[in-house]
Amino acid sequence: MTKNPRFSKPESRTALVRRARRINRELAEIYPYAHPELDFENPFQLVVATVLSAQTTDLRVNQTTPALFAKYPTPEDLAAADPEEVEEILRPTGFFRAKTRSVIGLSKALVEQFDGEVPGRLEDLVKLPGVGRKTAFVVLGNAFGRPGITVDTHFQRLVRRWKWTEETEPDKIEAAVGALFPKSEWTMLSHHVIFHGRRMCHARKPACGVCPIAPLCPAYGEGETDPEKARKLLKYEKGGFPGQRLNPPQSYLDAGGRPAPPLGAG
């Protein structure tokens, strides 16, 4: 439901494109250090970490993968792993049996079909066990520099709140939002939107009162509008708390972000 009276009348396509792009520009100023919040050093680590991130936090994945990659640094190693040993490492991420099958399965596929290398094409990535379009675009955008839109739960929530689309299926959301922006902006757009969803525009209680894009948001008023109360809802570096990554980019640290603690650090 539209809360902001500025959006009581239908919006033209031209106006929508203009507003969407302005929101992205504003978000780029708010989060100039936006980045993928999974720790990784190569495409293999990223595809595994992204598969593990299903139905858990990036923080929990980042606390778990150091032990996994220390023991199984390559697709060949993980493909030959004892499933019970992998399950024990992955237990903190939830659904650890299914995730173990996926990461061992995708490792075997990489070894058998791609000479142990993560492919850089969408049509190849989605053939890997546990890898759908969302995971594929995370890998393409952040490991290979190829534009893609990552439609996770935060992205879906925000683009619908902003009335960029009424679609509910991820592939249709991806197409609708992609049509509003130049392809070259897709990957960073995804980071900006997801950062905003995690830090400010929460599912249950958005921090509307401190949101810099409030004038551009049809859903302004769904959350807390009092600035002081809204400020207390901010998360991660915006609220003065640690982020999701144990090893975040330097730009994030320079902006006042703090690394997450390792697993078992209290």
Protein backbone atom coordinates (compact mmCIF):
# COMPACT_ATOMS: atom_id res chain seq x y z
CA MET A 1 0.00 0.00 0.00
CA THR A 2 1.31 3.46 -0.92
CA LYS A 3 1.90 5.55 2.20
CA ASN A 4 3.59 8.59 0.69
CA PRO A 5 0.94 11.06 -0.61
CA ARG A 6 3.36 12.19 -3.33
CA PHE A 7 2.68 8.88 -5.07
CA SER A 8 -1.12 8.91 -5.05
CA LYS A 9 -1.27 9.34 -8.85
CA PRO A 10 -0.05 6.87 -11.48
CA GLU A 11 3.59 7.31 -12.52
CA SER A 12 4.66 7.43 -16.17
CA ARG A 13 7.33 5.08 -17.44
CA THR A 14 9.71 7.99 -17.96
CA ALA A 15 9.14 9.23 -14.42
CA LEU A 16 9.68 5.74 -13.04
CA VAL A 17 13.01 5.35 -14.85
CA ARG A 18 14.13 8.78 -13.67
CA ARG A 19 13.14 8.06 -10.04
CA ALA A 20 14.71 4.59 -10.03
CA ARG A 21 18.02 5.90 -11.33
CA ARG A 22 17.99 8.75 -8.84
CA ILE A 23 17.43 6.27 -6.01
CA ASN A 24 20.43 4.27 -7.20
CA ARG A 25 22.56 7.43 -7.35
CA GLU A 26 21.50 8.33 -3.80
CA LEU A 27 22.29 4.82 -2.58
CA ALA A 28 25.72 5.01 -4.22
CA GLU A 29 26.42 8.08 -2.07
CA ILE A 30 25.10 6.41 1.09
CA TYR A 31 27.03 3.17 0.47
CA PRO A 32 30.09 4.03 -1.64
CA TYR A 33 31.76 0.97 -0.11
CA ALA A 34 28.95 -1.50 -1.01
CA HIS A 35 30.36 -4.94 -1.77
CA PRO A 36 29.46 -8.63 -1.72
CA GLU A 37 29.21 -9.58 1.94
CA LEU A 38 30.58 -13.08 1.52
CA ASP A 39 34.30 -13.60 2.11
CA PHE A 40 36.02 -15.17 -0.91
CA GLU A 41 39.40 -15.20 -2.63
CA ASN A 42 38.51 -16.86 -5.93
CA PRO A 43 35.46 -17.92 -8.01
CA PHE A 44 35.37 -21.40 -6.42
CA GLN A 45 35.15 -19.98 -2.92
CA LEU A 46 32.46 -17.52 -4.01
CA VAL A 47 30.21 -20.10 -5.66
CA VAL A 48 30.48 -22.42 -2.62
CA ALA A 49 29.88 -19.58 -0.15
CA THR A 50 26.85 -18.36 -2.11
CA VAL A 51 25.30 -21.84 -2.14
CA LEU A 52 25.89 -22.06 1.62
CA SER A 53 24.23 -18.66 2.20
CA ALA A 54 20.75 -20.01 1.45
CA GLN A 55 18.46 -19.55 4.46
CA THR A 56 21.21 -18.27 6.73
CA THR A 57 23.24 -15.08 7.13
CA ASP A 58 26.36 -14.18 5.22
CA LEU A 59 28.00 -13.75 8.64
CA ARG A 60 27.34 -17.38 9.56
CA VAL A 61 28.75 -18.50 6.21
CA ASN A 62 31.84 -16.32 6.62
CA GLN A 63 32.44 -17.80 10.07
CA THR A 64 32.15 -21.33 8.65
CA THR A 65 34.02 -21.25 5.32
CA PRO A 66 37.56 -20.65 6.68
CA ALA A 67 37.61 -24.18 8.12
CA LEU A 68 36.02 -25.62 4.97
CA PHE A 69 38.50 -24.02 2.57
CA ALA A 70 41.46 -24.75 4.82
CA LYS A 71 40.64 -28.46 4.58
CA TYR A 72 39.33 -28.48 0.98
CA PRO A 73 40.99 -25.60 -0.92
CA THR A 74 40.17 -26.83 -4.46
CA PRO A 75 37.22 -28.40 -6.30
CA GLU A 76 39.27 -31.61 -6.55
CA ASP A 77 39.66 -31.69 -2.76
CA LEU A 78 35.98 -31.06 -2.04
CA ALA A 79 34.83 -33.47 -4.73
CA ALA A 80 36.73 -36.27 -2.99
CA ALA A 81 35.68 -35.29 0.55
CA ASP A 82 33.98 -37.55 3.07
CA PRO A 83 30.41 -36.16 3.26
CA GLU A 84 30.19 -36.70 7.02
CA GLU A 85 33.29 -34.58 7.61
CA VAL A 86 31.90 -31.81 5.40
CA GLU A 87 28.54 -31.98 7.18
CA GLU A 88 30.24 -31.46 10.52
CA ILE A 89 31.94 -28.28 9.24
CA LEU A 90 28.76 -26.96 7.62
CA ARG A 91 26.44 -27.76 10.53
CA PRO A 92 26.31 -24.11 11.76
CA THR A 93 24.86 -22.93 8.41
CA GLY A 94 21.68 -25.02 8.71
CA PHE A 95 20.34 -27.53 6.18
CA PHE A 96 23.87 -28.87 6.31
CA ARG A 97 23.12 -32.25 4.74
CA ALA A 98 21.54 -30.75 1.64
CA LYS A 99 24.27 -28.11 1.43
CA THR A 100 26.95 -30.79 1.72
CA ARG A 101 25.39 -32.66 -1.20
CA SER A 102 25.31 -29.44 -3.22
CA VAL A 103 28.89 -28.31 -2.61
CA ILE A 104 30.35 -31.78 -3.14
CA GLY A 105 28.16 -32.22 -6.20
CA LEU A 106 29.11 -28.88 -7.73
CA SER A 107 32.77 -29.61 -7.03
CA LYS A 108 32.50 -32.94 -8.84
CA ALA A 109 30.77 -31.20 -11.76
CA LEU A 110 33.55 -28.60 -11.91
CA VAL A 111 36.19 -31.33 -12.01
CA GLU A 112 34.39 -33.55 -14.51
CA GLN A 113 32.92 -30.92 -16.85
CA PHE A 114 35.06 -27.79 -16.49
CA ASP A 115 38.60 -29.01 -15.67
CA GLY A 116 38.24 -27.82 -12.09
CA GLU A 117 37.54 -24.20 -13.09
CA VAL A 118 34.38 -22.23 -12.33
CA PRO A 119 32.79 -21.32 -15.69
CA GLY A 120 32.12 -17.68 -16.49
CA ARG A 121 28.85 -18.21 -18.38
CA LEU A 122 25.33 -18.15 -16.95
CA GLU A 123 24.19 -21.20 -18.92
CA ASP A 124 27.09 -23.25 -17.50
CA LEU A 125 26.81 -22.05 -13.92
CA VAL A 126 23.11 -22.90 -13.55
CA LYS A 127 23.87 -26.52 -14.47
CA LEU A 128 25.91 -26.93 -11.29
CA PRO A 129 24.14 -28.61 -8.31
CA GLY A 130 22.64 -26.01 -5.97
CA VAL A 131 23.31 -23.10 -8.33
CA GLY A 132 20.34 -21.07 -9.58
CA ARG A 133 20.20 -17.73 -11.38
CA LYS A 134 20.69 -15.71 -8.18
CA THR A 135 23.87 -17.57 -7.25
CA ALA A 136 25.08 -17.46 -10.85
CA PHE A 137 24.71 -13.68 -11.04
CA VAL A 138 26.55 -13.23 -7.73
CA VAL A 139 29.46 -15.20 -9.19
CA LEU A 140 29.36 -13.53 -12.62
CA GLY A 141 29.17 -10.02 -11.20
CA ASN A 142 31.72 -10.35 -8.41
CA ALA A 143 34.20 -12.96 -9.64
CA PHE A 144 34.12 -12.26 -13.37
CA GLY A 145 33.00 -8.62 -13.62
CA ARG A 146 30.01 -9.53 -15.81
CA PRO A 147 26.85 -7.53 -15.08
CA GLY A 148 24.02 -9.28 -13.28
CA ILE A 149 21.13 -8.52 -10.94
CA THR A 150 21.00 -10.48 -7.69
CA VAL A 151 17.36 -10.90 -6.68
CA ASP A 152 17.58 -11.96 -3.05
CA THR A 153 14.91 -11.37 -0.38
CA HIS A 154 16.14 -7.84 0.35
CA PHE A 155 16.16 -6.89 -3.33
CA GLN A 156 12.66 -8.27 -3.85
CA ARG A 157 11.29 -6.41 -0.84
CA LEU A 158 12.80 -3.03 -1.69
CA VAL A 159 12.05 -2.86 -5.41
CA ARG A 160 8.42 -3.68 -4.66
CA ARG A 161 8.28 -1.05 -1.90
CA TRP A 162 9.70 1.45 -4.37
CA LYS A 163 7.12 0.42 -6.99
CA TRP A 164 9.80 -0.42 -9.53
CA THR A 165 7.78 -3.52 -10.32
CA GLU A 166 4.72 -5.43 -9.14
CA GLU A 167 6.25 -8.77 -10.14
CA THR A 168 6.76 -11.45 -7.48
CA GLU A 169 8.80 -14.10 -9.30
CA PRO A 170 12.58 -13.55 -9.14
CA ASP A 171 13.22 -13.95 -12.88
CA LYS A 172 10.44 -11.47 -13.71
CA ILE A 173 11.70 -9.01 -11.09
CA GLU A 174 15.17 -9.35 -12.58
CA ALA A 175 13.87 -8.54 -16.08
CA ALA A 176 11.66 -5.64 -14.96
CA VAL A 177 14.33 -3.92 -12.88
CA GLY A 178 17.06 -4.62 -15.43
CA ALA A 179 15.03 -2.71 -18.01
CA LEU A 180 15.22 0.44 -15.85
CA PHE A 181 19.02 0.63 -15.79
CA PRO A 182 22.01 0.36 -18.13
CA LYS A 183 23.42 -3.17 -17.97
CA SER A 184 26.77 -1.84 -16.75
CA GLU A 185 25.09 -0.72 -13.49
CA TRP A 186 23.38 -4.01 -12.62
CA THR A 187 25.99 -5.50 -10.28
CA MET A 188 26.55 -2.37 -8.19
CA LEU A 189 22.81 -1.66 -8.20
CA SER A 190 22.34 -5.06 -6.55
CA HIS A 191 24.93 -4.25 -3.88
CA HIS A 192 23.39 -0.84 -3.18
CA VAL A 193 19.86 -2.22 -2.80
CA ILE A 194 20.91 -5.19 -0.67
CA PHE A 195 23.05 -2.99 1.58
CA HIS A 196 20.10 -0.65 2.10
CA GLY A 197 17.78 -3.56 2.85
CA ARG A 198 20.13 -4.97 5.47
CA ARG A 199 20.98 -1.68 7.15
CA MET A 200 17.95 0.58 6.93
CA CYS A 201 14.93 -0.69 4.99
CA HIS A 202 14.22 -3.74 7.13
CA ALA A 203 11.41 -6.21 6.51
CA ARG A 204 9.45 -5.64 9.69
CA LYS A 205 10.35 -2.11 10.73
CA PRO A 206 12.08 0.11 8.16
CA ALA A 207 14.00 3.07 9.57
CA CYS A 208 12.00 5.58 7.51
CA GLY A 209 12.85 8.53 9.75
CA VAL A 210 16.54 8.48 8.83
CA CYS A 211 16.25 7.22 5.25
CA PRO A 212 17.87 9.63 2.74
CA ILE A 213 15.64 8.40 -0.10
CA ALA A 214 12.37 8.89 1.81
CA PRO A 215 11.14 11.60 -0.62
CA LEU A 216 11.52 9.12 -3.49
CA CYS A 217 9.83 6.22 -1.68
CA PRO A 218 6.13 5.37 -2.15
CA ALA A 219 6.24 3.24 1.02
CA TYR A 220 7.54 5.99 3.31
CA GLY A 221 5.64 5.68 6.58
CA GLU A 222 5.48 1.88 6.70
CA GLY A 223 8.27 2.02 9.27
CA GLU A 224 9.39 4.26 12.11
CA THR A 225 9.29 7.92 11.02
CA ASP A 226 10.62 9.49 14.23
CA PRO A 227 14.32 10.17 13.51
CA GLU A 228 15.57 9.29 17.00
CA LYS A 229 13.65 6.03 17.15
CA ALA A 230 14.55 5.19 13.56
CA ARG A 231 18.25 5.72 14.22
CA LYS A 232 18.15 2.95 16.82
CA LEU A 233 16.98 0.52 14.13
CA LEU A 234 20.11 0.91 11.98
CA LYS A 235 22.33 -2.14 11.60
CA TYR A 236 25.96 -2.90 10.81
CA GLU A 237 28.23 0.10 10.30
CA LYS A 238 25.26 2.49 10.16
CA GLY A 239 24.39 1.45 13.69
CA GLY A 240 27.99 1.18 14.83
CA PHE A 241 28.03 -2.63 14.77
CA PRO A 242 30.31 -5.17 13.08
CA GLY A 243 29.57 -6.14 9.50
CA GLN A 244 29.11 -9.55 7.91
CA ARG A 245 32.63 -10.18 6.62
CA LEU A 246 35.64 -11.32 8.58
CA ASN A 247 37.82 -9.84 5.81
CA PRO A 248 35.93 -6.86 4.36
CA PRO A 249 37.32 -4.55 1.66
CA GLN A 250 39.54 -1.71 2.81
CA SER A 251 36.99 0.85 1.57
CA TYR A 252 34.47 -0.53 4.07
CA LEU A 253 36.96 -0.31 6.92
CA ASP A 254 37.89 3.23 5.88
CA ALA A 255 34.19 4.16 6.09
CA GLY A 256 34.01 3.04 9.74
CA GLY A 257 32.87 -0.54 9.22
CA ARG A 258 34.20 -3.23 11.52
CA PRO A 259 35.00 -6.84 10.63
CA ALA A 260 32.77 -9.60 12.00
CA PRO A 261 34.19 -11.91 14.67
CA PRO A 262 35.29 -15.44 13.71
CA LEU A 263 33.20 -18.46 14.70
CA GLY A 264 33.30 -19.09 18.44
CA ALA A 265 34.58 -15.61 19.29
CA GLY A 266 31.82 -14.97 21.80
